[in-house]
Amino acid sequence: MESAVRQVTRDKPGKKLVCKDLVIWPDGVHSVFDAQFQAVHTPLLIHEWKCRKNNRPGLYVDDLDWLCRFTAQFPDVMGLATTLYRHQDQWQMRGAWVRHGEQEAPFEAGRPR
């Protein structure tokens, strides 16, 4: 379920809002907008995910870059980037948490070890 969030500060002007794949809001907040329709609220977590059918397990660099910039600007927000992909006829998932502008070590799930 996509939801709008504020765009991170950039050197050049652009969109004020962008849509992200899954956004979890704090109690009592249901969107980026306040009662006057101003974009003021910040989520607890932003999850960006992709699905690849070409056996390429890497995470999307653009998603990680954006999440790093957003969590640096809004340090109370956690980011999560995940990619689903096929590996030896099994679906796998690779992901990485992003906090305080930094990507943590990637993790994998799905393949029995």
Foldseek 3Di string as FASTA:
>chain_A
DKAKAAFFDDPDDDDRIDIADDFAAPPPDDHLQDPVGDRHGDTQETEHEEEDEPQDQDWDPVQLQRQLRVCLVVQNHKYKYKYWYDDPNWIKMKMWIHGNSDTDDIDIDTDDD
